[in-house]
Amino acid sequence: DDGSRDESANMLEEAAGRENSPFVAVILNRNYGQHAAIMAGFEQCKGDVVITLDADLQNPPEEIPRLVAEAEKGYDVVGTVRGNRQDSALSRYPSKLINLAVQRSTGVAMSDYG
């Protein structure tokens, strides 16, 4: 959790606290940004598959089994593309710039890097 004021930190701690839970809750004391939150989570991971999700559910958790199935086919990275983003124009413009920069630097044509 990135310091959000909703109930996501409590939900994460509850899921991680269950017996034999595969989940790890990483709770930051404030919002340091998406990249910092993801990197903090990566530092705590163990296992063969890591899945990142935002708490706003723009990427539905129901996609997790499909992502795992694709990873099990031997792919190093799998992802989804949000079909109906609910972001404001103010956040869509920087996202488009990031997508363009990533596409140009990697040669991989995806439309939803951030």
N, C-alpha and C. Protein backbone atom coordinates (compact mmCIF):
# COMPACT_ATOMS: atom_id res chain seq x y z
N ASP A 1 0.85 -1.17 0.00
CA ASP A 1 0.00 0.00 0.00
C ASP A 1 0.89 1.23 0.00
N ASP A 2 0.49 2.23 -0.73
CA ASP A 2 1.32 3.43 -0.91
C ASP A 2 0.86 4.60 -0.04
N GLY A 3 0.37 4.30 1.14
CA GLY A 3 -0.06 5.36 2.03
C GLY A 3 -1.45 5.87 1.74
N SER A 4 -2.24 5.11 1.00
CA SER A 4 -3.59 5.55 0.65
C SER A 4 -4.46 5.63 1.90
N ARG A 5 -5.54 6.39 1.80
CA ARG A 5 -6.42 6.60 2.95
C ARG A 5 -7.65 5.69 2.91
N ASP A 6 -7.72 4.81 1.94
CA ASP A 6 -8.85 3.88 1.88
C ASP A 6 -8.54 2.66 2.75
N GLU A 7 -9.27 1.61 2.57
CA GLU A 7 -9.10 0.40 3.39
C GLU A 7 -8.13 -0.61 2.79
N SER A 8 -7.40 -0.23 1.73
CA SER A 8 -6.56 -1.22 1.05
C SER A 8 -5.46 -1.76 1.96
N ALA A 9 -4.85 -0.94 2.81
CA ALA A 9 -3.80 -1.45 3.72
C ALA A 9 -4.37 -2.51 4.65
N ASN A 10 -5.56 -2.27 5.20
CA ASN A 10 -6.19 -3.25 6.09
C ASN A 10 -6.51 -4.54 5.34
N MET A 11 -6.99 -4.41 4.12
CA MET A 11 -7.32 -5.59 3.32
C MET A 11 -6.05 -6.39 3.02
N LEU A 12 -4.96 -5.70 2.69
CA LEU A 12 -3.70 -6.38 2.41
C LEU A 12 -3.18 -7.10 3.64
N GLU A 13 -3.20 -6.41 4.78
CA GLU A 13 -2.72 -7.03 6.01
C GLU A 13 -3.56 -8.24 6.40
N GLU A 14 -4.87 -8.16 6.17
CA GLU A 14 -5.75 -9.29 6.47
C GLU A 14 -5.41 -10.48 5.56
N ALA A 15 -5.24 -10.23 4.27
CA ALA A 15 -4.92 -11.31 3.33
C ALA A 15 -3.56 -11.92 3.65
N ALA A 16 -2.59 -11.08 3.96
CA ALA A 16 -1.24 -11.58 4.26
C ALA A 16 -1.19 -12.32 5.59
N GLY A 17 -2.09 -11.97 6.51
CA GLY A 17 -2.08 -12.59 7.84
C GLY A 17 -2.74 -13.94 7.93
N ARG A 18 -3.41 -14.36 6.87
CA ARG A 18 -4.06 -15.67 6.89
C ARG A 18 -3.02 -16.79 6.92
N GLU A 19 -3.38 -17.89 7.55
CA GLU A 19 -2.46 -19.02 7.63
C GLU A 19 -2.09 -19.52 6.23
N ASN A 20 -0.80 -19.74 6.01
CA ASN A 20 -0.26 -20.20 4.74
C ASN A 20 -0.57 -19.26 3.57
N SER A 21 -0.74 -17.99 3.85
CA SER A 21 -1.06 -17.03 2.80
C SER A 21 0.13 -16.84 1.87
N PRO A 22 -0.12 -16.82 0.56
CA PRO A 22 0.97 -16.54 -0.39
C PRO A 22 1.23 -15.04 -0.53
N PHE A 23 0.44 -14.22 0.17
CA PHE A 23 0.52 -12.77 0.02
C PHE A 23 1.47 -12.15 1.03
N VAL A 24 2.11 -11.07 0.61
CA VAL A 24 2.94 -10.26 1.49
C VAL A 24 2.41 -8.84 1.40
N ALA A 25 2.11 -8.24 2.53
CA ALA A 25 1.64 -6.85 2.55
C ALA A 25 2.82 -5.93 2.81
N VAL A 26 3.05 -5.01 1.91
CA VAL A 26 4.09 -4.00 2.07
C VAL A 26 3.36 -2.67 2.23
N ILE A 27 3.45 -2.11 3.41
CA ILE A 27 2.70 -0.90 3.73
C ILE A 27 3.69 0.26 3.87
N LEU A 28 3.58 1.23 2.98
CA LEU A 28 4.44 2.42 3.04
C LEU A 28 3.74 3.50 3.87
N ASN A 29 4.53 4.37 4.50
CA ASN A 29 3.93 5.36 5.39
C ASN A 29 3.33 6.55 4.65
N ARG A 30 3.60 6.67 3.36
CA ARG A 30 2.99 7.73 2.55
C ARG A 30 3.11 7.34 1.09
N ASN A 31 2.53 8.15 0.22
CA ASN A 31 2.57 7.89 -1.22
C ASN A 31 3.91 8.38 -1.78
N TYR A 32 4.78 7.45 -2.11
CA TYR A 32 6.07 7.77 -2.72
C TYR A 32 6.01 7.64 -4.24
N GLY A 33 4.86 7.27 -4.77
CA GLY A 33 4.70 7.08 -6.20
C GLY A 33 4.61 5.61 -6.55
N GLN A 34 4.01 5.34 -7.71
CA GLN A 34 3.78 3.96 -8.13
C GLN A 34 5.08 3.17 -8.28
N HIS A 35 6.09 3.77 -8.88
CA HIS A 35 7.34 3.06 -9.11
C HIS A 35 7.97 2.64 -7.77
N ALA A 36 8.04 3.57 -6.82
CA ALA A 36 8.63 3.25 -5.52
C ALA A 36 7.84 2.16 -4.81
N ALA A 37 6.50 2.21 -4.91
CA ALA A 37 5.67 1.19 -4.27
C ALA A 37 5.92 -0.18 -4.89
N ILE A 38 5.99 -0.23 -6.20
CA ILE A 38 6.24 -1.52 -6.87
C ILE A 38 7.62 -2.05 -6.51
N MET A 39 8.63 -1.20 -6.51
CA MET A 39 9.98 -1.64 -6.17
C MET A 39 10.05 -2.12 -4.72
N ALA A 40 9.35 -1.46 -3.81
CA ALA A 40 9.31 -1.92 -2.41
C ALA A 40 8.69 -3.31 -2.34
N GLY A 41 7.66 -3.54 -3.12
CA GLY A 41 7.05 -4.86 -3.17
C GLY A 41 7.99 -5.90 -3.76
N PHE A 42 8.68 -5.55 -4.84
CA PHE A 42 9.62 -6.49 -5.45
C PHE A 42 10.73 -6.89 -4.48
N GLU A 43 11.16 -5.96 -3.63
CA GLU A 43 12.21 -6.26 -2.66
C GLU A 43 11.76 -7.31 -1.65
N GLN A 44 10.46 -7.47 -1.45
CA GLN A 44 9.93 -8.41 -0.47
C GLN A 44 9.45 -9.72 -1.08
N CYS A 45 9.48 -9.85 -2.39
CA CYS A 45 8.90 -11.04 -3.05
C CYS A 45 9.79 -12.26 -2.92
N LYS A 46 9.10 -13.37 -2.95
CA LYS A 46 9.74 -14.68 -3.07
C LYS A 46 8.88 -15.47 -4.04
N GLY A 47 9.46 -16.42 -4.71
CA GLY A 47 8.67 -17.26 -5.59
C GLY A 47 8.97 -17.01 -7.05
N ASP A 48 8.23 -17.69 -7.89
CA ASP A 48 8.48 -17.66 -9.32
C ASP A 48 7.63 -16.64 -10.06
N VAL A 49 6.49 -16.27 -9.51
CA VAL A 49 5.57 -15.37 -10.20
C VAL A 49 5.23 -14.19 -9.28
N VAL A 50 5.31 -12.99 -9.83
CA VAL A 50 4.94 -11.78 -9.09
C VAL A 50 3.87 -11.08 -9.90
N ILE A 51 2.78 -10.70 -9.24
CA ILE A 51 1.70 -9.98 -9.91
C ILE A 51 1.47 -8.69 -9.15
N THR A 52 1.45 -7.58 -9.88
CA THR A 52 1.18 -6.29 -9.27
C THR A 52 -0.20 -5.82 -9.69
N LEU A 53 -0.93 -5.24 -8.73
CA LEU A 53 -2.26 -4.70 -9.00
C LEU A 53 -2.42 -3.39 -8.23
N ASP A 54 -3.08 -2.44 -8.83
CA ASP A 54 -3.47 -1.23 -8.12
C ASP A 54 -4.73 -1.52 -7.33
N ALA A 55 -4.89 -0.86 -6.19
CA ALA A 55 -6.08 -1.08 -5.37
C ALA A 55 -7.34 -0.47 -5.98
N ASP A 56 -7.17 0.38 -7.00
CA ASP A 56 -8.35 1.00 -7.62
C ASP A 56 -9.11 0.04 -8.53
N LEU A 57 -8.60 -1.16 -8.70
CA LEU A 57 -9.24 -2.24 -9.46
C LEU A 57 -9.41 -1.92 -10.95
N GLN A 58 -8.63 -0.98 -11.48
CA GLN A 58 -8.66 -0.78 -12.93
C GLN A 58 -8.10 -2.00 -13.65
N ASN A 59 -7.24 -2.75 -12.96
CA ASN A 59 -6.80 -4.05 -13.45
C ASN A 59 -7.48 -5.08 -12.55
N PRO A 60 -8.48 -5.80 -13.06
CA PRO A 60 -9.27 -6.68 -12.20
C PRO A 60 -8.50 -7.90 -11.70
N PRO A 61 -8.64 -8.22 -10.42
CA PRO A 61 -7.98 -9.41 -9.87
C PRO A 61 -8.41 -10.70 -10.56
N GLU A 62 -9.57 -10.68 -11.19
CA GLU A 62 -10.04 -11.88 -11.90
C GLU A 62 -9.10 -12.28 -13.04
N GLU A 63 -8.21 -11.38 -13.44
CA GLU A 63 -7.24 -11.68 -14.50
C GLU A 63 -6.04 -12.48 -13.99
N ILE A 64 -5.89 -12.59 -12.67
CA ILE A 64 -4.71 -13.26 -12.11
C ILE A 64 -4.53 -14.68 -12.63
N PRO A 65 -5.56 -15.54 -12.64
CA PRO A 65 -5.34 -16.90 -13.15
C PRO A 65 -4.85 -16.92 -14.60
N ARG A 66 -5.37 -16.03 -15.43
CA ARG A 66 -4.92 -15.99 -16.83
C ARG A 66 -3.45 -15.54 -16.92
N LEU A 67 -3.07 -14.57 -16.09
CA LEU A 67 -1.68 -14.12 -16.09
C LEU A 67 -0.74 -15.25 -15.65
N VAL A 68 -1.13 -15.96 -14.61
CA VAL A 68 -0.32 -17.08 -14.13
C VAL A 68 -0.21 -18.15 -15.20
N ALA A 69 -1.31 -18.46 -15.87
CA ALA A 69 -1.30 -19.47 -16.93
C ALA A 69 -0.34 -19.08 -18.05
N GLU A 70 -0.33 -17.82 -18.42
CA GLU A 70 0.59 -17.36 -19.48
C GLU A 70 2.04 -17.43 -19.00
N ALA A 71 2.29 -17.04 -17.75
CA ALA A 71 3.65 -17.11 -17.21
C ALA A 71 4.15 -18.55 -17.19
N GLU A 72 3.25 -19.49 -16.89
CA GLU A 72 3.63 -20.90 -16.84
C GLU A 72 4.00 -21.45 -18.22
N LYS A 73 3.64 -20.74 -19.27
CA LYS A 73 4.04 -21.15 -20.62
C LYS A 73 5.49 -20.80 -20.91
N GLY A 74 6.13 -20.11 -19.97
CA GLY A 74 7.55 -19.79 -20.12
C GLY A 74 7.85 -18.33 -20.41
N TYR A 75 6.83 -17.48 -20.46
CA TYR A 75 7.08 -16.06 -20.69
C TYR A 75 7.74 -15.44 -19.46
N ASP A 76 8.67 -14.52 -19.69
CA ASP A 76 9.31 -13.80 -18.59
C ASP A 76 8.40 -12.73 -18.02
N VAL A 77 7.62 -12.09 -18.89
CA VAL A 77 6.73 -11.01 -18.48
C VAL A 77 5.41 -11.17 -19.22
N VAL A 78 4.31 -11.05 -18.50
CA VAL A 78 2.98 -11.03 -19.11
C VAL A 78 2.23 -9.84 -18.52
N GLY A 79 1.25 -9.35 -19.25
CA GLY A 79 0.50 -8.21 -18.76
C GLY A 79 -0.85 -8.12 -19.42
N THR A 80 -1.63 -7.18 -18.94
CA THR A 80 -2.94 -6.91 -19.51
C THR A 80 -2.98 -5.45 -19.93
N VAL A 81 -3.94 -5.13 -20.74
CA VAL A 81 -4.16 -3.74 -21.16
C VAL A 81 -5.57 -3.36 -20.73
N ARG A 82 -5.66 -2.28 -19.99
CA ARG A 82 -6.98 -1.82 -19.54
C ARG A 82 -7.76 -1.31 -20.73
N GLY A 83 -8.95 -1.83 -20.91
CA GLY A 83 -9.77 -1.44 -22.06
C GLY A 83 -10.54 -0.15 -21.85
N ASN A 84 -10.94 0.11 -20.64
CA ASN A 84 -11.77 1.28 -20.37
C ASN A 84 -11.19 2.04 -19.19
N ARG A 85 -10.10 2.77 -19.44
CA ARG A 85 -9.44 3.51 -18.35
C ARG A 85 -10.35 4.61 -17.82
N GLN A 86 -10.30 4.80 -16.52
CA GLN A 86 -11.13 5.81 -15.86
C GLN A 86 -10.31 7.02 -15.43
N ASP A 87 -9.14 7.20 -16.02
CA ASP A 87 -8.25 8.29 -15.62
C ASP A 87 -8.70 9.62 -16.20
N SER A 88 -8.31 10.69 -15.52
CA SER A 88 -8.59 12.04 -16.01
C SER A 88 -7.65 12.36 -17.17
N ALA A 89 -8.00 13.37 -17.94
CA ALA A 89 -7.14 13.80 -19.04
C ALA A 89 -5.76 14.21 -18.53
N LEU A 90 -5.73 14.78 -17.33
CA LEU A 90 -4.47 15.21 -16.73
C LEU A 90 -3.52 14.05 -16.49
N SER A 91 -4.03 12.88 -16.16
CA SER A 91 -3.16 11.73 -15.95
C SER A 91 -2.97 10.92 -17.24
N ARG A 92 -3.89 11.02 -18.19
CA ARG A 92 -3.74 10.28 -19.45
C ARG A 92 -2.60 10.83 -20.30
N TYR A 93 -2.40 12.14 -20.31
CA TYR A 93 -1.36 12.73 -21.16
C TYR A 93 0.04 12.25 -20.76
N PRO A 94 0.43 12.34 -19.47
CA PRO A 94 1.75 11.80 -19.10
C PRO A 94 1.87 10.31 -19.40
N SER A 95 0.77 9.58 -19.22
CA SER A 95 0.79 8.15 -19.52
C SER A 95 1.10 7.91 -21.00
N LYS A 96 0.48 8.71 -21.87
CA LYS A 96 0.74 8.57 -23.31
C LYS A 96 2.21 8.86 -23.62
N LEU A 97 2.79 9.86 -22.94
CA LEU A 97 4.20 10.18 -23.15
C LEU A 97 5.10 9.03 -22.70
N ILE A 98 4.78 8.44 -21.55
CA ILE A 98 5.56 7.30 -21.05
C ILE A 98 5.45 6.13 -22.02
N ASN A 99 4.24 5.85 -22.48
CA ASN A 99 4.04 4.75 -23.43
C ASN A 99 4.89 4.96 -24.68
N LEU A 100 4.88 6.17 -25.20
CA LEU A 100 5.65 6.48 -26.41
C LEU A 100 7.15 6.30 -26.16
N ALA A 101 7.63 6.81 -25.03
CA ALA A 101 9.06 6.69 -24.72
C ALA A 101 9.48 5.23 -24.56
N VAL A 102 8.65 4.43 -23.87
CA VAL A 102 8.97 3.02 -23.69
C VAL A 102 8.94 2.29 -25.02
N GLN A 103 7.95 2.57 -25.86
CA GLN A 103 7.86 1.93 -27.16
C GLN A 103 9.08 2.25 -28.01
N ARG A 104 9.50 3.50 -28.00
CA ARG A 104 10.66 3.90 -28.81
C ARG A 104 11.95 3.28 -28.28
N SER A 105 12.09 3.19 -26.97
CA SER A 105 13.35 2.67 -26.41
C SER A 105 13.44 1.15 -26.43
N THR A 106 12.29 0.47 -26.38
CA THR A 106 12.31 -1.00 -26.33
C THR A 106 11.93 -1.65 -27.65
N GLY A 107 11.24 -0.91 -28.51
CA GLY A 107 10.75 -1.50 -29.75
C GLY A 107 9.52 -2.37 -29.54
N VAL A 108 8.98 -2.40 -28.34
CA VAL A 108 7.79 -3.19 -28.03
C VAL A 108 6.58 -2.28 -28.07
N ALA A 109 5.62 -2.61 -28.91
CA ALA A 109 4.43 -1.77 -29.09
C ALA A 109 3.32 -2.20 -28.16
N MET A 110 3.27 -1.57 -26.99
CA MET A 110 2.17 -1.76 -26.05
C MET A 110 1.58 -0.39 -25.79
N SER A 111 0.35 -0.36 -25.31
CA SER A 111 -0.31 0.93 -25.15
C SER A 111 -0.61 1.30 -23.72
N ASP A 112 -0.12 0.55 -22.74
CA ASP A 112 -0.53 0.82 -21.37
C ASP A 112 0.58 0.55 -20.37
N TYR A 113 1.68 1.25 -20.49
CA TYR A 113 2.80 1.06 -19.56
C TYR A 113 2.61 1.79 -18.25
N GLY A 114 1.76 2.83 -18.24
CA GLY A 114 1.59 3.56 -16.98
C GLY A 114 0.81 4.81 -17.18
